[in-house]
């Protein structure tokens, strides 16, 4: 069972300021993520913001315009900072607010900080320009950059005391991260191609005649691009179905947070399935009102109850 610390002593002014900085970063840059964490109580929301702000820093290094050798050096600097946080060597008056906030969060929640090392490993794959022959190869990358985030988040959420099957919560959190990442890859297929990156497995691209890549608003001539997208959508849906088994293991507000974040991505997947070519014409997104609806649905517990009923039927 993974449990969080429910009662905490009041945070000092420097720590609260550091958390405020992280929450600002999250609110400005997180988009889909922010809708979910708004549903959490303040200590968990702050801790999740600290995780996001550190992860955002790592991602920004990988996505930035710097030369790859400079990126590699900065990623190692970030890993060294993570070691300081892990060793309890970051003081409350440190000049880096992200480090202060994450150090405080890690001291009060059982966050498996090694997951952030995995994130750095994944971004290093990007800087090396790695490509992926098979889904099994791509899963390694997805587990680093997204599955690890699911497991880190679970350290903040914790599991409900006495929840049946709670020992599998990290597995479900990891799988849900894979579902979100594969949805991201489908949504960003043209944007990534323009940046010189290809994430979809080479085997899948070849199977559907898409090995030429995606450098424009139309699919490669003679390809079955819609078939490729529908194939990957089915894979993502299977991952969502497995990952959603996490929901009944969480308390109401943590479950609402996860349901909101995952629900937004599931709706993105629905849009991509209905119009596969849209991902080549621009960035597929949801309007704010639809995201708000998903958040309210998550808070109502509808998704959690649905998963619980399905699980009970399977056991019967």
Foldseek 3Di string as FASTA:
>chain_A
DFAFQPDDDDDDPLLVVLLVVLLVVCVVPVVLLNLLLVLDPDLLSSLLSLVVVLLVVLVCLLPDDDQLVVSVVVLVVSVVLLVCLVVVNDDSPDPNSSSNNNSVSVVRFVFPSVLVVLLSVLSNCSSVQDEAADPVRLLSSLLNNFLSSLSRSCRSQPFDVPDPPVVCLSVLSSLLRSLLVLLVCLQQQQVQVVVVHDYPHCNLCVVFVQNVGQPALDGPPPGPQLVSLVVSLVVSVVSNLSSLLNLLGGPLSNSLSSQLSSVQSNVSSVVCNVPVSVSSVDGGHDDPVVSNVSSVVSNVCPSVVVSVVVVVVVVD
